[in-house]
């Protein structure tokens, strides 16, 4: 599966976003959504797109996007699309620290431990993540991916271009 198992502590690493914010996922109190992605991987594009809906469902829950592409590829992708989120441009070291090899890889982290993790686009897992985060934020839980989206159930992750 190439993700940390539920209940495992996340690695002590420092992530630095393009906007200057820093984050150590192991030290975040409460919920954190961490997404490893690559802008040309279709499943990544879908996961990122649906997770952009999460702030409306669970305001205040941080979502960090970690790119495994070159900084240039990532800059083109995020322009006008992910500018309101922290985006890490050099994500390969972080993906390796998490033991991952594939993107997208999505984590719901609670108090420094994995609560939910999956690779690829997985409709049920994304909806589970959305419901859990909304409930924790005291909001009405609803699906991130709805029937109206006319989206399939699953798309495979692809190997990240990390050496």
N, C-alpha and C. Protein backbone atom coordinates (compact mmCIF):
# COMPACT_ATOMS: atom_id res chain seq x y z
N UNK A 1 0.82 -1.20 0.00
CA UNK A 1 0.00 0.00 0.00
C UNK A 1 0.86 1.26 0.00
N UNK A 2 2.04 1.20 0.51
CA UNK A 2 2.98 2.32 0.49
C UNK A 2 2.51 3.56 1.22
N UNK A 3 1.78 3.39 2.29
CA UNK A 3 1.42 4.48 3.18
C UNK A 3 1.63 3.99 4.61
N UNK A 4 1.82 4.92 5.52
CA UNK A 4 1.93 4.54 6.93
C UNK A 4 0.58 4.00 7.41
N UNK A 5 0.64 3.02 8.26
CA UNK A 5 -0.59 2.39 8.76
C UNK A 5 -1.27 3.27 9.80
N UNK A 6 -2.58 3.06 9.93
CA UNK A 6 -3.37 3.77 10.93
C UNK A 6 -2.76 3.57 12.31
N UNK A 7 -2.65 4.67 13.05
CA UNK A 7 -2.10 4.64 14.40
C UNK A 7 -0.61 4.87 14.47
N UNK A 8 0.08 4.80 13.34
CA UNK A 8 1.54 5.03 13.33
C UNK A 8 1.83 6.51 13.50
N UNK A 9 2.91 6.80 14.20
CA UNK A 9 3.37 8.18 14.31
C UNK A 9 3.97 8.61 12.98
N UNK A 10 3.70 9.85 12.59
CA UNK A 10 4.27 10.36 11.35
C UNK A 10 5.71 10.82 11.63
N UNK A 11 6.53 10.86 10.59
CA UNK A 11 7.93 11.22 10.81
C UNK A 11 8.12 12.67 11.25
N UNK A 12 9.17 12.86 12.01
CA UNK A 12 9.58 14.20 12.45
C UNK A 12 10.33 14.85 11.29
N UNK A 13 9.61 15.61 10.50
CA UNK A 13 10.23 16.32 9.37
C UNK A 13 9.70 17.75 9.36
N UNK A 14 10.45 18.63 8.77
CA UNK A 14 9.96 20.00 8.61
C UNK A 14 9.68 20.24 7.14
N UNK A 15 8.45 20.66 6.88
CA UNK A 15 8.04 21.00 5.52
C UNK A 15 8.02 22.51 5.40
N UNK A 16 8.49 23.01 4.27
CA UNK A 16 8.44 24.45 4.03
C UNK A 16 7.65 24.70 2.76
N UNK A 17 6.60 25.47 2.91
CA UNK A 17 5.73 25.77 1.77
C UNK A 17 6.26 26.95 0.98
N UNK A 18 5.79 27.05 -0.22
CA UNK A 18 6.15 28.15 -1.12
C UNK A 18 5.86 29.51 -0.48
N UNK A 19 4.80 29.60 0.31
CA UNK A 19 4.42 30.87 0.94
C UNK A 19 5.24 31.20 2.19
N UNK A 20 6.22 30.34 2.53
CA UNK A 20 7.09 30.60 3.68
C UNK A 20 6.66 29.89 4.96
N UNK A 21 5.44 29.35 5.00
CA UNK A 21 4.98 28.63 6.20
C UNK A 21 5.82 27.36 6.37
N UNK A 22 6.02 26.97 7.62
CA UNK A 22 6.69 25.70 7.91
C UNK A 22 5.76 24.84 8.76
N UNK A 23 5.97 23.55 8.68
CA UNK A 23 5.11 22.61 9.38
C UNK A 23 5.88 21.34 9.68
N UNK A 24 5.73 20.85 10.90
CA UNK A 24 6.20 19.52 11.25
C UNK A 24 4.93 18.71 11.52
N UNK A 25 4.56 17.80 10.59
CA UNK A 25 3.29 17.08 10.76
C UNK A 25 3.19 16.30 12.07
N UNK A 26 4.33 15.91 12.63
CA UNK A 26 4.32 15.15 13.88
C UNK A 26 3.92 16.01 15.07
N UNK A 27 3.99 17.32 14.92
CA UNK A 27 3.72 18.21 16.06
C UNK A 27 2.41 18.97 15.94
N UNK A 28 1.61 18.67 14.93
CA UNK A 28 0.33 19.35 14.77
C UNK A 28 -0.68 18.77 15.75
N UNK A 29 -1.33 19.66 16.49
CA UNK A 29 -2.40 19.22 17.39
C UNK A 29 -3.70 19.26 16.62
N UNK A 30 -4.47 18.21 16.72
CA UNK A 30 -5.72 18.13 15.99
C UNK A 30 -5.50 17.53 14.61
N UNK A 31 -6.40 17.88 13.69
CA UNK A 31 -6.39 17.28 12.36
C UNK A 31 -5.49 18.04 11.39
N UNK A 32 -4.90 17.28 10.48
CA UNK A 32 -4.11 17.81 9.37
C UNK A 32 -4.32 16.89 8.18
N UNK A 33 -4.59 17.47 7.02
CA UNK A 33 -4.66 16.69 5.78
C UNK A 33 -3.38 16.99 5.01
N UNK A 34 -2.67 15.93 4.66
CA UNK A 34 -1.40 16.04 3.94
C UNK A 34 -1.51 15.22 2.67
N UNK A 35 -1.25 15.86 1.53
CA UNK A 35 -1.44 15.21 0.23
C UNK A 35 -0.16 15.30 -0.58
N UNK A 36 0.40 14.15 -0.91
CA UNK A 36 1.53 14.08 -1.84
C UNK A 36 0.94 13.92 -3.23
N UNK A 37 1.37 14.77 -4.18
CA UNK A 37 0.77 14.76 -5.51
C UNK A 37 1.82 15.07 -6.57
N UNK A 38 1.43 14.82 -7.81
CA UNK A 38 2.22 15.23 -8.97
C UNK A 38 1.23 15.82 -9.97
N UNK A 39 1.48 17.02 -10.49
CA UNK A 39 0.49 17.70 -11.33
C UNK A 39 0.11 17.01 -12.63
N UNK A 40 0.94 16.09 -13.14
CA UNK A 40 0.57 15.43 -14.39
C UNK A 40 -0.07 14.06 -14.18
N UNK A 41 -0.15 13.61 -12.95
CA UNK A 41 -0.79 12.33 -12.64
C UNK A 41 -2.29 12.58 -12.48
N UNK A 42 -3.09 11.95 -13.33
CA UNK A 42 -4.53 12.21 -13.35
C UNK A 42 -5.19 11.99 -11.99
N UNK A 43 -4.85 10.90 -11.32
CA UNK A 43 -5.43 10.64 -10.00
C UNK A 43 -5.07 11.76 -9.02
N UNK A 44 -3.86 12.29 -9.12
CA UNK A 44 -3.45 13.42 -8.27
C UNK A 44 -4.32 14.64 -8.54
N UNK A 45 -4.55 14.91 -9.80
CA UNK A 45 -5.36 16.08 -10.16
C UNK A 45 -6.77 15.95 -9.60
N UNK A 46 -7.31 14.74 -9.63
CA UNK A 46 -8.66 14.54 -9.09
C UNK A 46 -8.68 14.69 -7.57
N UNK A 47 -7.72 14.08 -6.88
CA UNK A 47 -7.68 14.18 -5.42
C UNK A 47 -7.53 15.65 -5.01
N UNK A 48 -6.61 16.35 -5.63
CA UNK A 48 -6.39 17.76 -5.30
C UNK A 48 -7.68 18.56 -5.55
N UNK A 49 -8.32 18.32 -6.67
CA UNK A 49 -9.55 19.04 -6.99
C UNK A 49 -10.64 18.84 -5.96
N UNK A 50 -10.85 17.60 -5.55
CA UNK A 50 -11.90 17.35 -4.56
C UNK A 50 -11.52 17.87 -3.18
N UNK A 51 -10.24 17.81 -2.82
CA UNK A 51 -9.84 18.31 -1.50
C UNK A 51 -9.92 19.84 -1.42
N UNK A 52 -9.95 20.50 -2.55
CA UNK A 52 -10.15 21.95 -2.53
C UNK A 52 -11.53 22.30 -1.96
N UNK A 53 -12.45 21.33 -1.91
CA UNK A 53 -13.79 21.54 -1.35
C UNK A 53 -13.77 21.47 0.18
N UNK A 54 -12.74 20.91 0.74
CA UNK A 54 -12.72 20.62 2.18
C UNK A 54 -12.82 21.87 3.07
N UNK A 55 -12.16 22.99 2.76
CA UNK A 55 -12.29 24.14 3.66
C UNK A 55 -13.72 24.63 3.87
N UNK A 56 -14.57 24.47 2.88
CA UNK A 56 -15.98 24.87 3.05
C UNK A 56 -16.69 23.93 4.02
N UNK A 57 -16.25 22.68 4.07
CA UNK A 57 -16.87 21.69 4.96
C UNK A 57 -16.28 21.71 6.36
N UNK A 58 -15.01 22.06 6.45
CA UNK A 58 -14.30 22.01 7.73
C UNK A 58 -13.32 23.17 7.83
N UNK A 59 -13.85 24.38 8.03
CA UNK A 59 -12.95 25.53 8.11
C UNK A 59 -11.96 25.37 9.26
N UNK A 60 -10.74 25.80 9.01
CA UNK A 60 -9.72 25.76 10.05
C UNK A 60 -8.88 24.50 10.06
N UNK A 61 -9.29 23.47 9.35
CA UNK A 61 -8.47 22.25 9.28
C UNK A 61 -7.41 22.46 8.20
N UNK A 62 -6.14 22.41 8.57
CA UNK A 62 -5.10 22.67 7.58
C UNK A 62 -4.98 21.55 6.54
N UNK A 63 -4.79 21.98 5.30
CA UNK A 63 -4.54 21.06 4.19
C UNK A 63 -3.23 21.49 3.56
N UNK A 64 -2.27 20.59 3.52
CA UNK A 64 -0.98 20.88 2.90
C UNK A 64 -0.82 19.97 1.70
N UNK A 65 -0.42 20.57 0.58
CA UNK A 65 -0.15 19.84 -0.65
C UNK A 65 1.35 19.76 -0.85
N UNK A 66 1.85 18.56 -1.09
CA UNK A 66 3.30 18.32 -1.20
C UNK A 66 3.58 17.76 -2.58
N UNK A 67 4.25 18.53 -3.41
CA UNK A 67 4.47 18.14 -4.80
C UNK A 67 5.75 17.34 -4.98
N UNK A 68 5.65 16.30 -5.81
CA UNK A 68 6.83 15.50 -6.16
C UNK A 68 7.33 15.86 -7.56
N UNK A 69 6.78 16.90 -8.15
CA UNK A 69 7.21 17.38 -9.47
C UNK A 69 8.34 18.39 -9.29
N UNK A 70 8.87 18.85 -10.39
CA UNK A 70 9.88 19.91 -10.32
C UNK A 70 9.19 21.19 -9.83
N UNK A 71 9.94 22.09 -9.22
CA UNK A 71 9.33 23.36 -8.80
C UNK A 71 8.66 24.10 -9.97
N UNK A 72 9.25 24.02 -11.14
CA UNK A 72 8.69 24.71 -12.30
C UNK A 72 7.34 24.11 -12.70
N UNK A 73 7.25 22.78 -12.74
CA UNK A 73 5.98 22.12 -13.07
C UNK A 73 4.91 22.46 -12.03
N UNK A 74 5.32 22.47 -10.78
CA UNK A 74 4.38 22.74 -9.70
C UNK A 74 3.89 24.18 -9.75
N UNK A 75 4.79 25.12 -9.99
CA UNK A 75 4.41 26.54 -10.07
C UNK A 75 3.34 26.77 -11.13
N UNK A 76 3.50 26.15 -12.29
CA UNK A 76 2.52 26.31 -13.37
C UNK A 76 1.17 25.75 -12.93
N UNK A 77 1.18 24.59 -12.28
CA UNK A 77 -0.07 23.94 -11.86
C UNK A 77 -0.81 24.72 -10.78
N UNK A 78 -0.09 25.23 -9.79
CA UNK A 78 -0.76 25.85 -8.65
C UNK A 78 -1.22 27.27 -8.93
N UNK A 79 -0.68 27.91 -9.94
CA UNK A 79 -1.02 29.29 -10.24
C UNK A 79 -2.53 29.43 -10.48
N UNK A 80 -3.17 30.21 -9.61
CA UNK A 80 -4.60 30.43 -9.73
C UNK A 80 -5.46 29.26 -9.28
N UNK A 81 -4.84 28.18 -8.81
CA UNK A 81 -5.59 26.97 -8.46
C UNK A 81 -5.38 26.56 -7.00
N UNK A 82 -4.16 26.64 -6.54
CA UNK A 82 -3.86 26.23 -5.16
C UNK A 82 -3.16 27.34 -4.37
N UNK A 83 -3.29 28.56 -4.82
CA UNK A 83 -2.56 29.65 -4.17
C UNK A 83 -3.01 29.92 -2.74
N UNK A 84 -4.21 29.51 -2.38
CA UNK A 84 -4.69 29.76 -1.02
C UNK A 84 -4.28 28.66 -0.05
N UNK A 85 -3.56 27.65 -0.54
CA UNK A 85 -3.10 26.54 0.30
C UNK A 85 -1.59 26.52 0.40
N UNK A 86 -1.05 26.00 1.50
CA UNK A 86 0.40 25.78 1.56
C UNK A 86 0.78 24.65 0.60
N UNK A 87 1.76 24.92 -0.25
CA UNK A 87 2.24 23.93 -1.21
C UNK A 87 3.75 23.79 -1.05
N UNK A 88 4.19 22.57 -0.80
CA UNK A 88 5.62 22.27 -0.69
C UNK A 88 6.12 21.91 -2.09
N UNK A 89 7.15 22.63 -2.56
CA UNK A 89 7.63 22.43 -3.92
C UNK A 89 8.57 21.25 -4.05
N UNK A 90 9.34 20.94 -3.02
CA UNK A 90 10.32 19.85 -3.09
C UNK A 90 9.86 18.73 -2.16
N UNK A 91 8.89 17.94 -2.63
CA UNK A 91 8.24 16.97 -1.75
C UNK A 91 8.83 15.58 -1.73
N UNK A 92 9.79 15.28 -2.60
CA UNK A 92 10.33 13.91 -2.64
C UNK A 92 10.96 13.48 -1.32
N UNK A 93 11.76 14.33 -0.65
CA UNK A 93 12.30 13.89 0.65
C UNK A 93 11.20 13.57 1.67
N UNK A 94 10.14 14.34 1.66
CA UNK A 94 9.04 14.08 2.60
C UNK A 94 8.32 12.79 2.26
N UNK A 95 8.07 12.56 0.97
CA UNK A 95 7.41 11.31 0.56
C UNK A 95 8.26 10.11 1.00
N UNK A 96 9.55 10.20 0.81
CA UNK A 96 10.44 9.11 1.23
C UNK A 96 10.41 8.93 2.75
N UNK A 97 10.35 10.04 3.50
CA UNK A 97 10.29 9.95 4.96
C UNK A 97 9.02 9.22 5.40
N UNK A 98 7.96 9.36 4.62
CA UNK A 98 6.70 8.67 4.91
C UNK A 98 6.71 7.25 4.36
N UNK A 99 7.80 6.84 3.71
CA UNK A 99 7.90 5.48 3.17
C UNK A 99 7.13 5.29 1.89
N UNK A 100 6.75 6.39 1.25
CA UNK A 100 5.92 6.30 0.06
C UNK A 100 6.73 6.26 -1.23
N UNK A 101 6.07 5.72 -2.26
CA UNK A 101 6.65 5.68 -3.60
C UNK A 101 5.66 6.12 -4.66
N UNK A 102 4.40 6.26 -4.30
CA UNK A 102 3.35 6.53 -5.27
C UNK A 102 2.60 7.81 -4.95
N UNK A 103 2.07 8.45 -6.00
CA UNK A 103 1.23 9.63 -5.85
C UNK A 103 -0.05 9.45 -6.66
N UNK A 104 -1.13 9.97 -6.18
CA UNK A 104 -1.25 10.70 -4.93
C UNK A 104 -1.26 9.76 -3.73
N UNK A 105 -0.80 10.30 -2.62
CA UNK A 105 -0.88 9.63 -1.32
C UNK A 105 -1.49 10.65 -0.36
N UNK A 106 -2.59 10.29 0.25
CA UNK A 106 -3.35 11.22 1.08
C UNK A 106 -3.38 10.71 2.51
N UNK A 107 -3.12 11.62 3.44
CA UNK A 107 -3.11 11.29 4.87
C UNK A 107 -4.05 12.21 5.63
N UNK A 108 -4.81 11.64 6.53
CA UNK A 108 -5.48 12.40 7.58
C UNK A 108 -4.70 12.08 8.85
N UNK A 109 -4.09 13.10 9.39
CA UNK A 109 -3.23 12.96 10.57
C UNK A 109 -3.94 13.61 11.76
N UNK A 110 -3.98 12.89 12.87
CA UNK A 110 -4.59 13.39 14.10
C UNK A 110 -3.53 13.38 15.19
N UNK A 111 -3.20 14.56 15.69
CA UNK A 111 -2.24 14.67 16.79
C UNK A 111 -0.96 13.89 16.52
N UNK A 112 -0.45 14.00 15.28
CA UNK A 112 0.83 13.38 14.94
C UNK A 112 0.77 11.91 14.57
N UNK A 113 -0.44 11.34 14.50
CA UNK A 113 -0.58 9.93 14.14
C UNK A 113 -1.53 9.77 12.95
N UNK A 114 -1.27 8.74 12.17
CA UNK A 114 -2.09 8.49 10.99
C UNK A 114 -3.47 8.00 11.43
N UNK A 115 -4.51 8.69 10.94
CA UNK A 115 -5.88 8.28 11.18
C UNK A 115 -6.45 7.59 9.94
N UNK A 116 -6.04 8.05 8.76
CA UNK A 116 -6.50 7.49 7.49
C UNK A 116 -5.42 7.76 6.45
N UNK A 117 -5.13 6.78 5.61
CA UNK A 117 -4.14 6.97 4.56
C UNK A 117 -4.50 6.09 3.37
N UNK A 118 -4.30 6.64 2.17
CA UNK A 118 -4.59 5.88 0.96
C UNK A 118 -3.82 6.46 -0.22
N UNK A 119 -3.63 5.64 -1.23
CA UNK A 119 -3.01 6.10 -2.46
C UNK A 119 -4.05 6.09 -3.57
N UNK A 120 -3.78 6.85 -4.62
CA UNK A 120 -4.68 6.91 -5.76
C UNK A 120 -5.89 7.77 -5.45
N UNK A 121 -6.80 7.83 -6.40
CA UNK A 121 -8.09 8.46 -6.18
C UNK A 121 -9.01 7.35 -5.71
N UNK A 122 -9.54 7.49 -4.52
CA UNK A 122 -10.40 6.48 -3.93
C UNK A 122 -11.63 7.21 -3.37
N UNK A 123 -12.74 7.09 -4.08
CA UNK A 123 -13.95 7.84 -3.74
C UNK A 123 -14.39 7.60 -2.29
N UNK A 124 -14.48 6.34 -1.88
CA UNK A 124 -14.92 6.03 -0.52
C UNK A 124 -13.97 6.62 0.51
N UNK A 125 -12.66 6.50 0.28
CA UNK A 125 -11.69 7.04 1.24
C UNK A 125 -11.76 8.56 1.31
N UNK A 126 -11.90 9.23 0.17
CA UNK A 126 -12.04 10.69 0.18
C UNK A 126 -13.29 11.12 0.93
N UNK A 127 -14.38 10.42 0.73
CA UNK A 127 -15.61 10.76 1.44
C UNK A 127 -15.50 10.47 2.93
N UNK A 128 -14.82 9.40 3.29
CA UNK A 128 -14.58 9.11 4.70
C UNK A 128 -13.76 10.22 5.34
N UNK A 129 -12.70 10.65 4.65
CA UNK A 129 -11.86 11.74 5.14
C UNK A 129 -12.71 13.01 5.31
N UNK A 130 -13.50 13.35 4.32
CA UNK A 130 -14.34 14.54 4.41
C UNK A 130 -15.30 14.50 5.58
N UNK A 131 -15.94 13.35 5.78
CA UNK A 131 -16.89 13.22 6.89
C UNK A 131 -16.19 13.33 8.24
N UNK A 132 -15.05 12.67 8.39
CA UNK A 132 -14.33 12.72 9.67
C UNK A 132 -13.90 14.14 10.01
N UNK A 133 -13.34 14.82 9.02
CA UNK A 133 -12.83 16.17 9.26
C UNK A 133 -13.99 17.13 9.55
N UNK A 134 -15.09 17.01 8.82
CA UNK A 134 -16.24 17.88 9.07
C UNK A 134 -16.80 17.66 10.47
N UNK A 135 -16.93 16.40 10.87
CA UNK A 135 -17.45 16.10 12.21
C UNK A 135 -16.55 16.69 13.29
N UNK A 136 -15.24 16.57 13.10
CA UNK A 136 -14.31 17.12 14.08
C UNK A 136 -14.38 18.64 14.16
N UNK A 137 -14.72 19.26 13.04
CA UNK A 137 -14.85 20.71 13.01
C UNK A 137 -16.23 21.16 13.50
N UNK A 138 -17.07 20.19 13.90
CA UNK A 138 -18.40 20.51 14.38
C UNK A 138 -19.36 20.89 13.27
N UNK A 139 -19.07 20.47 12.07
CA UNK A 139 -19.91 20.79 10.91
C UNK A 139 -20.67 19.56 10.47
N UNK A 140 -21.67 19.79 9.66
CA UNK A 140 -22.46 18.69 9.10
C UNK A 140 -21.59 17.90 8.13
N UNK A 141 -21.49 16.61 8.36
CA UNK A 141 -20.67 15.76 7.50
C UNK A 141 -21.39 15.50 6.19
N UNK A 142 -20.64 15.64 5.10
CA UNK A 142 -21.18 15.30 3.79
C UNK A 142 -20.04 14.81 2.91
N UNK A 143 -20.41 14.25 1.77
CA UNK A 143 -19.41 13.68 0.88
C UNK A 143 -18.65 14.75 0.11
N UNK A 144 -17.35 14.52 -0.08
CA UNK A 144 -16.55 15.37 -0.96
C UNK A 144 -16.86 15.08 -2.43
N UNK A 145 -17.02 13.79 -2.73
CA UNK A 145 -17.30 13.35 -4.10
C UNK A 145 -18.75 12.86 -4.11
N UNK A 146 -19.60 13.57 -4.81
CA UNK A 146 -21.02 13.25 -4.81
C UNK A 146 -21.42 12.51 -6.08
N UNK A 147 -22.61 11.96 -6.08
CA UNK A 147 -23.13 11.28 -7.28
C UNK A 147 -23.21 12.25 -8.45
N UNK A 148 -23.50 13.51 -8.16
CA UNK A 148 -23.60 14.52 -9.22
C UNK A 148 -22.26 14.73 -9.94
N UNK A 149 -21.15 14.36 -9.28
CA UNK A 149 -19.83 14.50 -9.91
C UNK A 149 -19.62 13.48 -11.03
N UNK A 150 -20.43 12.42 -11.02
CA UNK A 150 -20.32 11.38 -12.05
C UNK A 150 -18.88 10.87 -12.17
N UNK A 151 -18.29 10.54 -11.03
CA UNK A 151 -16.90 10.11 -10.96
C UNK A 151 -16.84 8.64 -10.59
N UNK A 152 -15.91 7.92 -11.19
CA UNK A 152 -15.71 6.51 -10.87
C UNK A 152 -15.24 6.32 -9.44
N UNK A 153 -15.09 5.06 -9.04
CA UNK A 153 -14.74 4.74 -7.66
C UNK A 153 -13.26 4.85 -7.36
N UNK A 154 -12.40 4.53 -8.34
CA UNK A 154 -10.98 4.43 -8.04
C UNK A 154 -10.13 4.72 -9.28
N UNK A 155 -9.00 5.37 -9.08
CA UNK A 155 -7.97 5.53 -10.09
C UNK A 155 -6.64 5.20 -9.44
N UNK A 156 -5.81 4.48 -10.14
CA UNK A 156 -4.54 4.04 -9.58
C UNK A 156 -3.57 5.19 -9.37
N UNK A 157 -2.77 5.04 -8.33
CA UNK A 157 -1.64 5.94 -8.11
C UNK A 157 -0.55 5.56 -9.10
N UNK A 158 0.40 6.46 -9.29
CA UNK A 158 1.53 6.20 -10.17
C UNK A 158 2.82 6.43 -9.40
N UNK A 159 3.91 5.80 -9.82
CA UNK A 159 5.18 6.01 -9.14
C UNK A 159 5.58 7.48 -9.18
N UNK A 160 6.01 7.99 -8.05
CA UNK A 160 6.51 9.37 -7.99
C UNK A 160 7.89 9.42 -8.63
N UNK A 161 8.23 10.50 -9.30
CA UNK A 161 9.53 10.60 -9.96
C UNK A 161 10.65 10.99 -9.00
N UNK A 162 10.68 10.35 -7.85
CA UNK A 162 11.70 10.65 -6.84
C UNK A 162 12.81 9.61 -6.95
N UNK A 163 14.02 10.08 -6.91
CA UNK A 163 15.16 9.15 -7.01
C UNK A 163 15.68 8.74 -5.67
